[in-house]
């Protein structure tokens, strides 16, 4: 009851062929093969040493910010209505 027999797989295969057709199915498999080939080619190209990259430039050192020179600073007044 839990396993699939050969007949189940044959029915699934026939349904897939009816839905996609012989031409579409073979086209899809060809596209998959092309994708695998291009992936392998990309992986082999990655092994080649790349041109050396220049070291990153350092950001200019900025002087620290001075605190506000105004000595008359007061905390902000609470303007919420009192209940």
N, C-alpha and C. Protein backbone atom coordinates (compact mmCIF):
# COMPACT_ATOMS: atom_id res chain seq x y z
N UNK A 1 0.82 -1.18 0.00
CA UNK A 1 0.00 0.00 0.00
C UNK A 1 0.87 1.26 0.00
N UNK A 2 2.06 1.21 0.64
CA UNK A 2 2.88 2.40 0.74
C UNK A 2 3.83 2.58 -0.43
N UNK A 3 4.11 1.53 -1.21
CA UNK A 3 5.08 1.65 -2.29
C UNK A 3 4.42 1.85 -3.64
N UNK A 4 5.20 2.38 -4.56
CA UNK A 4 4.70 2.57 -5.92
C UNK A 4 5.20 1.41 -6.78
N UNK A 5 4.30 0.84 -7.54
CA UNK A 5 4.69 -0.26 -8.42
C UNK A 5 5.08 0.31 -9.78
N UNK A 6 5.51 -0.55 -10.66
CA UNK A 6 5.90 -0.15 -12.00
C UNK A 6 4.72 0.46 -12.75
N UNK A 7 3.50 -0.02 -12.45
CA UNK A 7 2.31 0.49 -13.14
C UNK A 7 2.04 1.94 -12.74
N UNK A 8 2.29 2.27 -11.48
CA UNK A 8 2.10 3.67 -11.07
C UNK A 8 3.05 4.58 -11.85
N UNK A 9 4.30 4.16 -11.96
CA UNK A 9 5.29 4.98 -12.66
C UNK A 9 4.99 5.08 -14.15
N UNK A 10 4.47 4.01 -14.75
CA UNK A 10 4.10 4.06 -16.16
C UNK A 10 2.95 5.03 -16.39
N UNK A 11 1.97 5.03 -15.51
CA UNK A 11 0.83 5.94 -15.64
C UNK A 11 1.32 7.39 -15.49
N UNK A 12 2.18 7.64 -14.52
CA UNK A 12 2.71 8.98 -14.33
C UNK A 12 3.51 9.41 -15.56
N UNK A 13 4.31 8.51 -16.12
CA UNK A 13 5.09 8.83 -17.32
C UNK A 13 4.21 9.15 -18.50
N UNK A 14 3.14 8.39 -18.70
CA UNK A 14 2.21 8.64 -19.81
C UNK A 14 1.54 10.00 -19.63
N UNK A 15 1.13 10.32 -18.41
CA UNK A 15 0.49 11.61 -18.15
C UNK A 15 1.45 12.76 -18.43
N UNK A 16 2.71 12.60 -18.01
CA UNK A 16 3.71 13.64 -18.25
C UNK A 16 3.92 13.82 -19.76
N UNK A 17 4.02 12.73 -20.49
CA UNK A 17 4.21 12.83 -21.94
C UNK A 17 2.99 13.46 -22.62
N UNK A 18 1.79 13.16 -22.12
CA UNK A 18 0.59 13.77 -22.71
C UNK A 18 0.54 15.26 -22.42
N UNK A 19 0.95 15.66 -21.22
CA UNK A 19 0.89 17.08 -20.88
C UNK A 19 1.95 17.88 -21.63
N UNK A 20 3.16 17.37 -21.65
CA UNK A 20 4.26 18.12 -22.23
C UNK A 20 4.54 17.77 -23.68
N UNK A 21 4.12 16.63 -24.11
CA UNK A 21 4.40 16.20 -25.47
C UNK A 21 5.84 15.74 -25.62
N UNK A 22 6.08 14.96 -26.66
CA UNK A 22 7.42 14.41 -26.87
C UNK A 22 8.43 15.51 -27.14
N UNK A 23 8.07 16.48 -27.96
CA UNK A 23 8.99 17.55 -28.33
C UNK A 23 9.33 18.46 -27.16
N UNK A 24 8.32 18.82 -26.38
CA UNK A 24 8.57 19.71 -25.24
C UNK A 24 9.44 19.02 -24.20
N UNK A 25 9.20 17.77 -23.96
CA UNK A 25 9.96 17.05 -22.95
C UNK A 25 11.42 16.95 -23.35
N UNK A 26 11.69 16.64 -24.61
CA UNK A 26 13.08 16.54 -25.05
C UNK A 26 13.74 17.91 -25.08
N UNK A 27 12.97 18.96 -25.40
CA UNK A 27 13.52 20.32 -25.35
C UNK A 27 13.89 20.71 -23.92
N UNK A 28 13.04 20.34 -22.98
CA UNK A 28 13.34 20.66 -21.58
C UNK A 28 14.59 19.93 -21.12
N UNK A 29 14.73 18.68 -21.50
CA UNK A 29 15.92 17.92 -21.10
C UNK A 29 17.17 18.51 -21.75
N UNK A 30 17.06 18.99 -22.99
CA UNK A 30 18.19 19.64 -23.65
C UNK A 30 18.58 20.93 -22.95
N UNK A 31 17.57 21.68 -22.50
CA UNK A 31 17.86 22.92 -21.75
C UNK A 31 18.54 22.61 -20.43
N UNK A 32 18.11 21.55 -19.78
CA UNK A 32 18.74 21.16 -18.51
C UNK A 32 20.20 20.76 -18.77
N UNK A 33 20.45 20.04 -19.84
CA UNK A 33 21.82 19.63 -20.16
C UNK A 33 22.69 20.84 -20.47
N UNK A 34 22.14 21.82 -21.20
CA UNK A 34 22.90 23.03 -21.48
C UNK A 34 23.22 23.80 -20.20
N UNK A 35 22.26 23.83 -19.29
CA UNK A 35 22.48 24.50 -18.02
C UNK A 35 23.58 23.84 -17.21
N UNK A 36 23.59 22.52 -17.20
CA UNK A 36 24.62 21.79 -16.46
C UNK A 36 25.99 22.04 -17.09
N UNK A 37 26.05 22.04 -18.43
CA UNK A 37 27.33 22.30 -19.10
C UNK A 37 27.85 23.69 -18.81
N UNK A 38 26.96 24.68 -18.84
CA UNK A 38 27.41 26.05 -18.56
C UNK A 38 27.82 26.20 -17.10
N UNK A 39 27.15 25.47 -16.20
CA UNK A 39 27.55 25.50 -14.79
C UNK A 39 28.94 24.92 -14.61
N UNK A 40 29.20 23.80 -15.26
CA UNK A 40 30.53 23.17 -15.16
C UNK A 40 31.59 24.09 -15.76
N UNK A 41 31.27 24.74 -16.87
CA UNK A 41 32.22 25.66 -17.49
C UNK A 41 32.51 26.83 -16.57
N UNK A 42 31.49 27.36 -15.93
CA UNK A 42 31.68 28.46 -15.00
C UNK A 42 32.50 28.06 -13.79
N UNK A 43 32.31 26.83 -13.33
CA UNK A 43 33.09 26.37 -12.18
C UNK A 43 34.56 26.19 -12.57
N UNK A 44 34.83 25.72 -13.79
CA UNK A 44 36.22 25.53 -14.19
C UNK A 44 36.90 26.88 -14.45
N UNK A 45 36.16 27.87 -14.93
CA UNK A 45 36.73 29.20 -15.14
C UNK A 45 37.05 29.87 -13.82
N UNK A 46 36.33 29.51 -12.78
CA UNK A 46 36.55 30.12 -11.47
C UNK A 46 37.90 29.70 -10.88
N UNK A 47 38.42 28.57 -11.31
CA UNK A 47 39.68 28.08 -10.78
C UNK A 47 40.87 28.90 -11.28
N UNK A 48 40.72 29.59 -12.39
CA UNK A 48 41.81 30.39 -12.94
C UNK A 48 42.09 31.57 -12.01
N UNK A 49 43.37 31.91 -11.82
CA UNK A 49 43.66 33.03 -10.93
C UNK A 49 43.16 34.35 -11.51
N UNK A 50 42.56 35.13 -10.68
CA UNK A 50 42.03 36.42 -11.12
C UNK A 50 43.14 37.47 -11.02
N UNK A 51 42.94 38.56 -11.72
CA UNK A 51 43.91 39.65 -11.67
C UNK A 51 43.92 40.21 -10.25
N UNK A 52 45.10 40.55 -9.75
CA UNK A 52 45.15 41.06 -8.37
C UNK A 52 44.39 42.37 -8.24
N UNK A 53 43.67 42.48 -7.17
CA UNK A 53 42.89 43.69 -6.94
C UNK A 53 43.70 44.65 -6.08
N UNK A 54 43.59 45.93 -6.33
CA UNK A 54 44.34 46.88 -5.51
C UNK A 54 43.78 46.89 -4.09
N UNK A 55 44.62 47.22 -3.12
CA UNK A 55 44.12 47.24 -1.74
C UNK A 55 43.09 48.35 -1.59
N UNK A 56 42.14 48.16 -0.70
CA UNK A 56 41.10 49.19 -0.54
C UNK A 56 41.70 50.47 0.00
N UNK A 57 41.14 51.58 -0.46
CA UNK A 57 41.63 52.88 0.00
C UNK A 57 41.08 53.16 1.39
N UNK A 58 41.88 53.81 2.20
CA UNK A 58 41.46 54.13 3.56
C UNK A 58 40.64 55.41 3.54
N UNK A 59 39.70 55.45 4.43
CA UNK A 59 38.91 56.67 4.56
C UNK A 59 39.75 57.72 5.27
N UNK A 60 39.51 58.97 4.94
CA UNK A 60 40.26 60.04 5.58
C UNK A 60 39.84 60.16 7.03
N UNK A 61 40.82 60.35 7.88
CA UNK A 61 40.54 60.50 9.30
C UNK A 61 39.89 61.86 9.52
N UNK A 62 38.76 61.88 10.18
CA UNK A 62 38.08 63.14 10.47
C UNK A 62 38.31 63.48 11.94
N UNK A 63 38.43 64.76 12.22
CA UNK A 63 38.62 65.13 13.63
C UNK A 63 37.35 64.84 14.42
N UNK A 64 37.49 64.58 15.70
CA UNK A 64 36.29 64.31 16.50
C UNK A 64 35.41 65.55 16.59
N UNK A 65 34.14 65.32 16.73
CA UNK A 65 33.21 66.44 16.82
C UNK A 65 33.35 67.11 18.17
N UNK A 66 33.33 68.43 18.16
CA UNK A 66 33.39 69.19 19.40
C UNK A 66 31.99 69.29 19.99
N UNK A 67 31.89 69.26 21.31
CA UNK A 67 30.56 69.45 21.90
C UNK A 67 30.06 70.86 21.63
N UNK A 68 28.79 71.04 21.79
CA UNK A 68 28.18 72.35 21.54
C UNK A 68 28.77 73.37 22.51
N UNK A 69 29.32 74.46 21.99
CA UNK A 69 29.97 75.43 22.88
C UNK A 69 28.99 76.30 23.66
N UNK A 70 27.70 76.21 23.36
CA UNK A 70 26.72 77.05 24.05
C UNK A 70 26.53 76.54 25.47
N UNK A 71 26.86 77.36 26.46
CA UNK A 71 26.75 76.93 27.87
C UNK A 71 25.36 77.16 28.43
N UNK A 72 24.47 77.78 27.67
CA UNK A 72 23.12 78.08 28.16
C UNK A 72 22.11 77.02 27.73
N UNK A 73 22.55 75.83 27.43
CA UNK A 73 21.62 74.79 27.00
C UNK A 73 20.78 74.34 28.17
N UNK A 74 19.49 74.19 27.91
CA UNK A 74 18.55 73.73 28.93
C UNK A 74 17.79 72.53 28.37
N UNK A 75 17.34 71.62 29.25
CA UNK A 75 16.53 70.51 28.76
C UNK A 75 15.22 71.01 28.18
N UNK A 76 14.68 70.28 27.26
CA UNK A 76 13.43 70.67 26.60
C UNK A 76 12.29 70.57 27.60
N UNK A 77 11.40 71.57 27.57
CA UNK A 77 10.26 71.58 28.49
C UNK A 77 9.21 70.57 28.05
N UNK A 78 8.59 69.92 28.99
CA UNK A 78 7.54 68.95 28.73
C UNK A 78 6.26 69.71 28.38
N UNK A 79 5.76 69.55 27.16
CA UNK A 79 4.56 70.26 26.73
C UNK A 79 3.33 69.37 26.68
N UNK A 80 3.43 68.20 27.28
CA UNK A 80 2.26 67.31 27.30
C UNK A 80 1.23 67.85 28.28
N UNK A 81 -0.06 67.71 27.93
CA UNK A 81 -1.09 68.18 28.87
C UNK A 81 -1.07 67.32 30.14
N UNK A 82 -1.26 67.97 31.23
CA UNK A 82 -1.31 67.25 32.53
C UNK A 82 -2.72 66.78 32.79
N UNK A 83 -2.83 65.57 33.26
CA UNK A 83 -4.17 65.06 33.54
C UNK A 83 -4.44 64.93 35.01
